[in-house]
Amino acid sequence: MTKRKDYTVEFEEGWADELELDQEQYNALIDGIKQLVATGEIFENATPVSELPEDEQQEILESIRNKNTRH
């Protein structure tokens, strides 16, 4: 049996500011994302960046570079 790594989910402040959700909908979205991570489903259904079109790959990489503030 393979032991699954436990992951934590952190949400950056303001990440959902553009979404029009009431508090109940917001909480349900957060809970849903955390559940997808906890069960591993988020990883099973993910598309590797390398399989995306080149322009989307570049957009993702630029976004990561611009937001990488951890030192």
Protein backbone atom coordinates (compact mmCIF):
# COMPACT_ATOMS: atom_id res chain seq x y z
CA MET A 1 0.00 0.00 0.00
CA THR A 2 1.38 3.40 -0.98
CA LYS A 3 1.17 6.11 1.63
CA ARG A 4 -0.41 9.27 0.26
CA LYS A 5 1.22 12.58 1.12
CA ASP A 6 -1.00 14.98 3.02
CA TYR A 7 -1.24 18.37 1.36
CA THR A 8 -2.38 21.67 2.75
CA VAL A 9 -4.22 24.23 0.68
CA GLU A 10 -3.50 27.92 1.06
CA PHE A 11 -5.50 30.62 -0.67
CA GLU A 12 -3.84 33.91 -1.52
CA GLU A 13 -5.72 36.94 -0.24
CA GLY A 14 -8.02 38.30 -2.92
CA TRP A 15 -7.89 35.15 -5.06
CA ALA A 16 -11.67 35.11 -5.45
CA ASP A 17 -12.36 38.84 -5.56
CA GLU A 18 -13.57 38.68 -9.15
CA LEU A 19 -16.04 35.89 -8.41
CA GLU A 20 -19.58 36.88 -7.58
CA LEU A 21 -20.23 34.54 -4.66
CA ASP A 22 -22.10 34.93 -1.42
CA GLN A 23 -20.41 33.60 1.73
CA GLU A 24 -22.14 30.23 1.51
CA GLN A 25 -21.04 29.73 -2.11
CA TYR A 26 -17.51 30.89 -1.28
CA ASN A 27 -17.27 28.43 1.63
CA ALA A 28 -18.59 25.61 -0.56
CA LEU A 29 -15.97 26.39 -3.22
CA ILE A 30 -13.16 26.37 -0.65
CA ASP A 31 -14.44 23.10 0.84
CA GLY A 32 -14.74 21.56 -2.62
CA ILE A 33 -11.18 22.48 -3.57
CA LYS A 34 -9.84 21.13 -0.27
CA GLN A 35 -11.78 17.88 -0.80
CA LEU A 36 -10.37 17.47 -4.32
CA VAL A 37 -6.87 17.83 -2.91
CA ALA A 38 -7.50 15.53 0.06
CA THR A 39 -8.82 12.71 -2.14
CA GLY A 40 -6.14 13.20 -4.80
CA GLU A 41 -8.80 13.76 -7.45
CA ILE A 42 -7.35 17.16 -8.32
CA PHE A 43 -4.10 15.45 -9.33
CA GLU A 44 -5.78 12.60 -11.20
CA ASN A 45 -7.71 15.06 -13.37
CA ALA A 46 -4.91 17.59 -13.85
CA THR A 47 -3.39 18.32 -17.23
CA PRO A 48 0.41 18.58 -17.20
CA VAL A 49 1.63 22.00 -18.30
CA SER A 50 3.77 20.29 -20.93
CA GLU A 51 0.60 19.04 -22.65
CA LEU A 52 -0.90 22.52 -23.00
CA PRO A 53 -0.49 24.71 -26.09
CA GLU A 54 2.79 26.66 -26.08
CA ASP A 55 1.07 30.04 -25.53
CA GLU A 56 -0.74 28.74 -22.44
CA GLN A 57 2.50 27.28 -21.10
CA GLN A 58 4.21 30.64 -21.46
CA GLU A 59 1.32 32.46 -19.79
CA ILE A 60 1.44 30.10 -16.80
CA LEU A 61 5.22 30.34 -16.45
CA GLU A 62 5.13 34.15 -16.61
CA SER A 63 2.38 34.23 -13.99
CA ILE A 64 4.43 32.01 -11.69
CA ARG A 65 7.55 34.13 -12.16
CA ASN A 66 5.63 37.33 -11.43
CA LYS A 67 4.01 35.96 -8.26
CA ASN A 68 6.93 34.00 -6.84
CA THR A 69 7.59 35.98 -3.68
CA ARG A 70 8.87 33.20 -1.43
CA HIS A 71 12.56 33.45 -0.66
